[in-house]
């Protein structure tokens, strides 16, 4: 029996964390991530990597690999979507509504993968989700739990591309039928996988979470 599959996810993070918390440079996040992935991707495919970059360098580096390890890149902007298509196995998104996936993410990612002769890339769509009858209450809960993301420029841009002005706009909220249709909308827009961030709503947070989990289980069972 084979080993369970393992996929590595990486990304450039955000300036408040990289520079503000860790005191590291965030001057060239796109270039830094592209060079890092060029080296890491080769190593995880079992290749010997020699690369001279502005931020990262490898000279004859090699890691023995029993099997290649797929890599997904956190990418929202044009440059990193291109990099993901050329060098990674797909992308992990967050706060990207269906419209942003269909018009912005999928076309760029797939075009880059095709030009590089790489397989069809995965698109993992991550969004807050709550199965709840009172939309106003669900939006308020989402604003409380996800409001911090509104302050990060990368998320603001992708939400705006998708026609959302806030995490509450981007989130998937509603009763079972509505949430099911919205999740299907992500797949119709080009997502291959959905990463759900469950938002508990109301006074009985456990029951709220369970209601959402029950729907998700029924859709994946």
C-alpha atoms as a PDB file:
ATOM      1  CA  UNK A   1       0.000   0.000   0.000  1.00  0.00           C
ATOM      2  CA  UNK A   2       1.451   3.366  -1.031  1.00  0.00           C
ATOM      3  CA  UNK A   3       2.187   6.230   1.265  1.00  0.00           C
ATOM      4  CA  UNK A   4      -0.386   9.001   1.627  1.00  0.00           C
ATOM      5  CA  UNK A   5       0.233  11.881  -0.744  1.00  0.00           C
ATOM      6  CA  UNK A   6       1.895  15.031   0.589  1.00  0.00           C
ATOM      7  CA  UNK A   7       1.628  18.485  -0.950  1.00  0.00           C
ATOM      8  CA  UNK A   8       3.722  21.420   0.231  1.00  0.00           C
ATOM      9  CA  UNK A   9       2.219  24.894   0.321  1.00  0.00           C
ATOM     10  CA  UNK A  10       4.420  28.001   0.337  1.00  0.00           C
ATOM     11  CA  UNK A  11       3.889  31.724  -0.169  1.00  0.00           C
ATOM     12  CA  UNK A  12       5.326  35.216   0.239  1.00  0.00           C
ATOM     13  CA  UNK A  13       3.223  36.055   3.332  1.00  0.00           C
ATOM     14  CA  UNK A  14       2.554  39.747   4.058  1.00  0.00           C
ATOM     15  CA  UNK A  15       4.679  42.771   4.876  1.00  0.00           C
ATOM     16  CA  UNK A  16       3.260  43.342   8.407  1.00  0.00           C
ATOM     17  CA  UNK A  17       4.392  39.832   9.333  1.00  0.00           C
ATOM     18  CA  UNK A  18       7.663  39.559   7.422  1.00  0.00           C
ATOM     19  CA  UNK A  19       8.963  43.060   8.092  1.00  0.00           C
ATOM     20  CA  UNK A  20       6.924  44.074  11.129  1.00  0.00           C
ATOM     21  CA  UNK A  21       7.086  40.875  13.166  1.00  0.00           C
ATOM     22  CA  UNK A  22      10.320  39.229  12.006  1.00  0.00           C
ATOM     23  CA  UNK A  23      12.323  42.261  10.889  1.00  0.00           C
ATOM     24  CA  UNK A  24      13.121  40.804   7.461  1.00  0.00           C
ATOM     25  CA  UNK A  25      13.141  42.541   4.115  1.00  0.00           C
ATOM     26  CA  UNK A  26       9.939  42.637   2.090  1.00  0.00           C
ATOM     27  CA  UNK A  27      11.314  44.820  -0.692  1.00  0.00           C
ATOM     28  CA  UNK A  28      10.924  42.278  -3.507  1.00  0.00           C
ATOM     29  CA  UNK A  29       8.366  39.650  -2.484  1.00  0.00           C
ATOM     30  CA  UNK A  30       7.609  38.605  -6.057  1.00  0.00           C
ATOM     31  CA  UNK A  31      11.245  38.170  -7.055  1.00  0.00           C
ATOM     32  CA  UNK A  32      12.126  36.524  -3.752  1.00  0.00           C
ATOM     33  CA  UNK A  33       9.309  33.996  -4.060  1.00  0.00           C
ATOM     34  CA  UNK A  34      10.051  33.252  -7.717  1.00  0.00           C
ATOM     35  CA  UNK A  35      13.723  32.532  -7.031  1.00  0.00           C
ATOM     36  CA  UNK A  36      12.945  30.486  -3.935  1.00  0.00           C
ATOM     37  CA  UNK A  37      10.396  28.376  -5.798  1.00  0.00           C
ATOM     38  CA  UNK A  38      12.761  27.842  -8.722  1.00  0.00           C
ATOM     39  CA  UNK A  39      15.242  26.240  -6.328  1.00  0.00           C
ATOM     40  CA  UNK A  40      12.786  24.453  -4.053  1.00  0.00           C
ATOM     41  CA  UNK A  41      10.662  23.078  -6.879  1.00  0.00           C
ATOM     42  CA  UNK A  42      13.679  21.538  -8.554  1.00  0.00           C
ATOM     43  CA  UNK A  43      14.878  19.974  -5.318  1.00  0.00           C
ATOM     44  CA  UNK A  44      11.464  18.477  -4.603  1.00  0.00           C
ATOM     45  CA  UNK A  45      11.440  16.934  -8.077  1.00  0.00           C
ATOM     46  CA  UNK A  46      14.758  15.265  -7.311  1.00  0.00           C
ATOM     47  CA  UNK A  47      16.774  17.484  -9.630  1.00  0.00           C
ATOM     48  CA  UNK A  48      20.251  18.895  -9.133  1.00  0.00           C
ATOM     49  CA  UNK A  49      19.753  22.651  -8.948  1.00  0.00           C
ATOM     50  CA  UNK A  50      22.201  25.374  -9.877  1.00  0.00           C
ATOM     51  CA  UNK A  51      20.731  28.855  -9.827  1.00  0.00           C
ATOM     52  CA  UNK A  52      22.213  32.315  -9.271  1.00  0.00           C
ATOM     53  CA  UNK A  53      19.612  34.833  -8.192  1.00  0.00           C
ATOM     54  CA  UNK A  54      19.435  38.229  -6.546  1.00  0.00           C
ATOM     55  CA  UNK A  55      17.918  36.821  -3.346  1.00  0.00           C
ATOM     56  CA  UNK A  56      18.550  33.066  -3.504  1.00  0.00           C
ATOM     57  CA  UNK A  57      21.413  30.970  -4.863  1.00  0.00           C
ATOM     58  CA  UNK A  58      21.972  27.234  -5.167  1.00  0.00           C
ATOM     59  CA  UNK A  59      25.081  25.576  -6.581  1.00  0.00           C
ATOM     60  CA  UNK A  60      24.739  21.911  -7.363  1.00  0.00           C
ATOM     61  CA  UNK A  61      22.134  21.427  -4.639  1.00  0.00           C
ATOM     62  CA  UNK A  62      20.354  18.083  -4.516  1.00  0.00           C
ATOM     63  CA  UNK A  63      18.046  16.312  -2.054  1.00  0.00           C
ATOM     64  CA  UNK A  64      17.455  12.555  -2.505  1.00  0.00           C
ATOM     65  CA  UNK A  65      13.728  12.086  -3.164  1.00  0.00           C
ATOM     66  CA  UNK A  66      11.822   8.809  -3.237  1.00  0.00           C
ATOM     67  CA  UNK A  67       9.091  10.569  -5.191  1.00  0.00           C
ATOM     68  CA  UNK A  68       8.415  14.159  -6.284  1.00  0.00           C
ATOM     69  CA  UNK A  69       6.587  16.432  -3.839  1.00  0.00           C
ATOM     70  CA  UNK A  70       3.921  18.684  -5.396  1.00  0.00           C
ATOM     71  CA  UNK A  71       4.068  22.370  -4.449  1.00  0.00           C
ATOM     72  CA  UNK A  72       1.182  24.829  -4.291  1.00  0.00           C
ATOM     73  CA  UNK A  73       1.934  28.544  -4.206  1.00  0.00           C
ATOM     74  CA  UNK A  74      -0.120  31.189  -2.422  1.00  0.00           C
ATOM     75  CA  UNK A  75      -0.639  33.548  -5.342  1.00  0.00           C
ATOM     76  CA  UNK A  76      -3.149  36.305  -6.021  1.00  0.00           C
ATOM     77  CA  UNK A  77      -1.384  38.811  -8.287  1.00  0.00           C
ATOM     78  CA  UNK A  78      -0.350  38.450 -11.943  1.00  0.00           C
ATOM     79  CA  UNK A  79       3.349  37.825 -11.323  1.00  0.00           C
ATOM     80  CA  UNK A  80       2.948  35.020  -8.816  1.00  0.00           C
ATOM     81  CA  UNK A  81       0.091  33.477 -10.789  1.00  0.00           C
ATOM     82  CA  UNK A  82       2.524  33.259 -13.707  1.00  0.00           C
ATOM     83  CA  UNK A  83       5.221  31.816 -11.455  1.00  0.00           C
ATOM     84  CA  UNK A  84       2.785  29.260 -10.053  1.00  0.00           C
ATOM     85  CA  UNK A  85       1.786  28.170 -13.533  1.00  0.00           C
ATOM     86  CA  UNK A  86       5.375  27.868 -14.697  1.00  0.00           C
ATOM     87  CA  UNK A  87       6.947  26.252 -11.653  1.00  0.00           C
ATOM     88  CA  UNK A  88       4.352  24.972  -9.166  1.00  0.00           C
ATOM     89  CA  UNK A  89       1.511  22.483  -9.294  1.00  0.00           C
ATOM     90  CA  UNK A  90      -1.151  25.073  -8.615  1.00  0.00           C
ATOM     91  CA  UNK A  91      -2.241  27.819  -6.262  1.00  0.00           C
ATOM     92  CA  UNK A  92      -3.840  28.269  -2.875  1.00  0.00           C
ATOM     93  CA  UNK A  93      -6.173  31.254  -2.778  1.00  0.00           C
ATOM     94  CA  UNK A  94      -7.827  33.098   0.065  1.00  0.00           C
ATOM     95  CA  UNK A  95     -10.601  35.665  -0.108  1.00  0.00           C
ATOM     96  CA  UNK A  96     -10.905  35.207  -3.874  1.00  0.00           C
ATOM     97  CA  UNK A  97     -14.590  35.200  -4.916  1.00  0.00           C
ATOM     98  CA  UNK A  98     -15.766  33.102  -7.849  1.00  0.00           C
ATOM     99  CA  UNK A  99     -15.615  36.056 -10.233  1.00  0.00           C
ATOM    100  CA  UNK A 100     -11.952  36.659  -9.387  1.00  0.00           C
ATOM    101  CA  UNK A 101     -11.139  32.988  -9.994  1.00  0.00           C
ATOM    102  CA  UNK A 102     -12.922  32.941 -13.337  1.00  0.00           C
ATOM    103  CA  UNK A 103     -11.652  36.242 -14.754  1.00  0.00           C
ATOM    104  CA  UNK A 104      -8.291  36.780 -13.055  1.00  0.00           C
ATOM    105  CA  UNK A 105      -6.802  33.636 -11.522  1.00  0.00           C
ATOM    106  CA  UNK A 106      -7.666  30.710 -13.782  1.00  0.00           C
ATOM    107  CA  UNK A 107      -6.833  32.332 -17.145  1.00  0.00           C
ATOM    108  CA  UNK A 108      -3.394  33.552 -16.031  1.00  0.00           C
ATOM    109  CA  UNK A 109      -2.487  30.385 -14.192  1.00  0.00           C
ATOM    110  CA  UNK A 110      -3.565  28.030 -16.964  1.00  0.00           C
ATOM    111  CA  UNK A 111      -1.917  30.089 -19.692  1.00  0.00           C
ATOM    112  CA  UNK A 112       1.405  30.069 -17.831  1.00  0.00           C
ATOM    113  CA  UNK A 113       1.209  26.328 -17.174  1.00  0.00           C
ATOM    114  CA  UNK A 114       0.362  25.604 -20.797  1.00  0.00           C
ATOM    115  CA  UNK A 115       3.215  27.783 -22.093  1.00  0.00           C
ATOM    116  CA  UNK A 116       5.633  25.979 -19.756  1.00  0.00           C
ATOM    117  CA  UNK A 117       4.372  22.555 -20.823  1.00  0.00           C
ATOM    118  CA  UNK A 118       3.126  21.757 -17.351  1.00  0.00           C
ATOM    119  CA  UNK A 119      -0.024  19.824 -16.412  1.00  0.00           C
ATOM    120  CA  UNK A 120      -3.344  21.497 -15.644  1.00  0.00           C
ATOM    121  CA  UNK A 121      -2.776  23.287 -12.306  1.00  0.00           C
ATOM    122  CA  UNK A 122      -4.825  22.910  -9.151  1.00  0.00           C
ATOM    123  CA  UNK A 123      -6.742  25.917  -7.862  1.00  0.00           C
ATOM    124  CA  UNK A 124      -7.529  25.684  -4.158  1.00  0.00           C
ATOM    125  CA  UNK A 125     -10.150  28.281  -3.237  1.00  0.00           C
ATOM    126  CA  UNK A 126     -10.242  29.261   0.434  1.00  0.00           C
ATOM    127  CA  UNK A 127     -13.156  31.273   1.843  1.00  0.00           C
ATOM    128  CA  UNK A 128     -15.088  31.711   5.093  1.00  0.00           C
ATOM    129  CA  UNK A 129     -18.261  29.605   5.078  1.00  0.00           C
ATOM    130  CA  UNK A 130     -21.277  29.571   7.383  1.00  0.00           C
ATOM    131  CA  UNK A 131     -24.558  27.725   6.998  1.00  0.00           C
ATOM    132  CA  UNK A 132     -26.992  30.059   8.745  1.00  0.00           C
ATOM    133  CA  UNK A 133     -30.470  31.388   8.017  1.00  0.00           C
ATOM    134  CA  UNK A 134     -29.906  34.974   9.179  1.00  0.00           C
ATOM    135  CA  UNK A 135     -27.542  36.507   6.614  1.00  0.00           C
ATOM    136  CA  UNK A 136     -27.104  39.727   8.574  1.00  0.00           C
ATOM    137  CA  UNK A 137     -25.978  37.768  11.618  1.00  0.00           C
ATOM    138  CA  UNK A 138     -23.680  35.600   9.492  1.00  0.00           C
ATOM    139  CA  UNK A 139     -22.090  38.662   7.899  1.00  0.00           C
ATOM    140  CA  UNK A 140     -21.474  40.209  11.317  1.00  0.00           C
ATOM    141  CA  UNK A 141     -19.797  37.014  12.540  1.00  0.00           C
ATOM    142  CA  UNK A 142     -17.624  36.918   9.426  1.00  0.00           C
ATOM    143  CA  UNK A 143     -16.626  40.542   9.902  1.00  0.00           C
ATOM    144  CA  UNK A 144     -15.569  39.729  13.468  1.00  0.00           C
ATOM    145  CA  UNK A 145     -13.526  36.639  12.627  1.00  0.00           C
ATOM    146  CA  UNK A 146     -12.098  37.728   9.262  1.00  0.00           C
ATOM    147  CA  UNK A 147     -12.016  41.517   9.471  1.00  0.00           C
ATOM    148  CA  UNK A 148      -8.213  41.569   9.843  1.00  0.00           C
ATOM    149  CA  UNK A 149      -7.814  40.389   6.255  1.00  0.00           C
ATOM    150  CA  UNK A 150      -9.450  43.554   4.991  1.00  0.00           C
ATOM    151  CA  UNK A 151      -6.357  45.497   6.074  1.00  0.00           C
ATOM    152  CA  UNK A 152      -3.981  43.430   3.906  1.00  0.00           C
ATOM    153  CA  UNK A 153      -3.513  44.883   0.392  1.00  0.00           C
ATOM    154  CA  UNK A 154      -3.275  41.532  -1.427  1.00  0.00           C
ATOM    155  CA  UNK A 155      -6.617  40.395  -0.063  1.00  0.00           C
ATOM    156  CA  UNK A 156      -8.263  43.766  -0.681  1.00  0.00           C
ATOM    157  CA  UNK A 157      -7.222  43.645  -4.336  1.00  0.00           C
ATOM    158  CA  UNK A 158      -8.462  40.120  -4.983  1.00  0.00           C
ATOM    159  CA  UNK A 159     -11.762  40.852  -3.229  1.00  0.00           C
ATOM    160  CA  UNK A 160     -12.250  43.949  -5.378  1.00  0.00           C
ATOM    161  CA  UNK A 161     -11.513  41.971  -8.546  1.00  0.00           C
ATOM    162  CA  UNK A 162     -14.212  39.556  -7.433  1.00  0.00           C
ATOM    163  CA  UNK A 163     -16.711  42.328  -6.744  1.00  0.00           C
ATOM    164  CA  UNK A 164     -16.441  42.135  -2.950  1.00  0.00           C
ATOM    165  CA  UNK A 165     -15.635  45.041  -0.667  1.00  0.00           C
ATOM    166  CA  UNK A 166     -15.064  43.064   2.518  1.00  0.00           C
ATOM    167  CA  UNK A 167     -14.572  39.510   3.818  1.00  0.00           C
ATOM    168  CA  UNK A 168     -18.300  39.400   4.584  1.00  0.00           C
ATOM    169  CA  UNK A 169     -18.998  40.089   0.901  1.00  0.00           C
ATOM    170  CA  UNK A 170     -16.542  37.401  -0.220  1.00  0.00           C
ATOM    171  CA  UNK A 171     -17.714  34.775   2.271  1.00  0.00           C
ATOM    172  CA  UNK A 172     -20.135  31.978   1.410  1.00  0.00           C
ATOM    173  CA  UNK A 173     -23.132  32.438   3.684  1.00  0.00           C
ATOM    174  CA  UNK A 174     -26.734  31.232   3.722  1.00  0.00           C
ATOM    175  CA  UNK A 175     -28.861  28.163   4.232  1.00  0.00           C
ATOM    176  CA  UNK A 176     -27.905  24.723   2.960  1.00  0.00           C
ATOM    177  CA  UNK A 177     -29.249  25.257  -0.550  1.00  0.00           C
ATOM    178  CA  UNK A 178     -27.612  28.659  -0.961  1.00  0.00           C
ATOM    179  CA  UNK A 179     -24.221  27.563   0.362  1.00  0.00           C
ATOM    180  CA  UNK A 180     -24.267  24.480  -1.878  1.00  0.00           C
ATOM    181  CA  UNK A 181     -24.919  26.631  -4.937  1.00  0.00           C
ATOM    182  CA  UNK A 182     -22.180  29.087  -3.982  1.00  0.00           C
ATOM    183  CA  UNK A 183     -19.647  26.290  -3.447  1.00  0.00           C
ATOM    184  CA  UNK A 184     -20.572  24.866  -6.839  1.00  0.00           C
ATOM    185  CA  UNK A 185     -20.045  28.355  -8.230  1.00  0.00           C
ATOM    186  CA  UNK A 186     -16.408  28.225  -7.138  1.00  0.00           C
ATOM    187  CA  UNK A 187     -15.924  24.952  -9.006  1.00  0.00           C
ATOM    188  CA  UNK A 188     -17.716  26.306 -12.068  1.00  0.00           C
ATOM    189  CA  UNK A 189     -15.374  29.319 -11.989  1.00  0.00           C
ATOM    190  CA  UNK A 190     -12.316  27.061 -12.175  1.00  0.00           C
ATOM    191  CA  UNK A 191     -11.500  25.939  -8.644  1.00  0.00           C
ATOM    192  CA  UNK A 192     -10.408  22.310  -8.361  1.00  0.00           C
ATOM    193  CA  UNK A 193     -10.470  22.199  -4.554  1.00  0.00           C
ATOM    194  CA  UNK A 194     -12.258  24.189  -1.853  1.00  0.00           C
ATOM    195  CA  UNK A 195     -10.695  25.019   1.497  1.00  0.00           C
ATOM    196  CA  UNK A 196     -13.399  25.940   3.994  1.00  0.00           C
ATOM    197  CA  UNK A 197     -12.880  28.220   6.981  1.00  0.00           C
ATOM    198  CA  UNK A 198     -15.966  27.580   9.095  1.00  0.00           C
ATOM    199  CA  UNK A 199     -17.468  30.680  10.723  1.00  0.00           C
ATOM    200  CA  UNK A 200     -19.525  29.932  13.855  1.00  0.00           C
ATOM    201  CA  UNK A 201     -22.570  32.193  14.120  1.00  0.00           C
ATOM    202  CA  UNK A 202     -24.910  32.995  16.988  1.00  0.00           C
ATOM    203  CA  UNK A 203     -24.873  32.095  20.657  1.00  0.00           C
ATOM    204  CA  UNK A 204     -24.533  28.342  20.166  1.00  0.00           C
ATOM    205  CA  UNK A 205     -21.246  28.317  18.306  1.00  0.00           C
ATOM    206  CA  UNK A 206     -20.860  24.553  18.524  1.00  0.00           C
ATOM    207  CA  UNK A 207     -24.247  23.916  16.930  1.00  0.00           C
ATOM    208  CA  UNK A 208     -23.544  26.501  14.266  1.00  0.00           C
ATOM    209  CA  UNK A 209     -20.222  24.936  13.373  1.00  0.00           C
ATOM    210  CA  UNK A 210     -21.808  21.487  13.319  1.00  0.00           C
ATOM    211  CA  UNK A 211     -24.526  22.612  10.919  1.00  0.00           C
ATOM    212  CA  UNK A 212     -21.894  23.803   8.468  1.00  0.00           C
ATOM    213  CA  UNK A 213     -19.804  20.660   8.920  1.00  0.00           C
ATOM    214  CA  UNK A 214     -22.860  18.473   8.348  1.00  0.00           C
ATOM    215  CA  UNK A 215     -23.510  20.112   5.011  1.00  0.00           C
ATOM    216  CA  UNK A 216     -19.879  19.790   3.964  1.00  0.00           C
ATOM    217  CA  UNK A 217     -19.887  16.111   4.942  1.00  0.00           C
ATOM    218  CA  UNK A 218     -23.013  15.514   2.869  1.00  0.00           C
ATOM    219  CA  UNK A 219     -21.343  17.132  -0.150  1.00  0.00           C
ATOM    220  CA  UNK A 220     -18.100  15.178   0.129  1.00  0.00           C
ATOM    221  CA  UNK A 221     -19.472  11.817   1.286  1.00  0.00           C
END
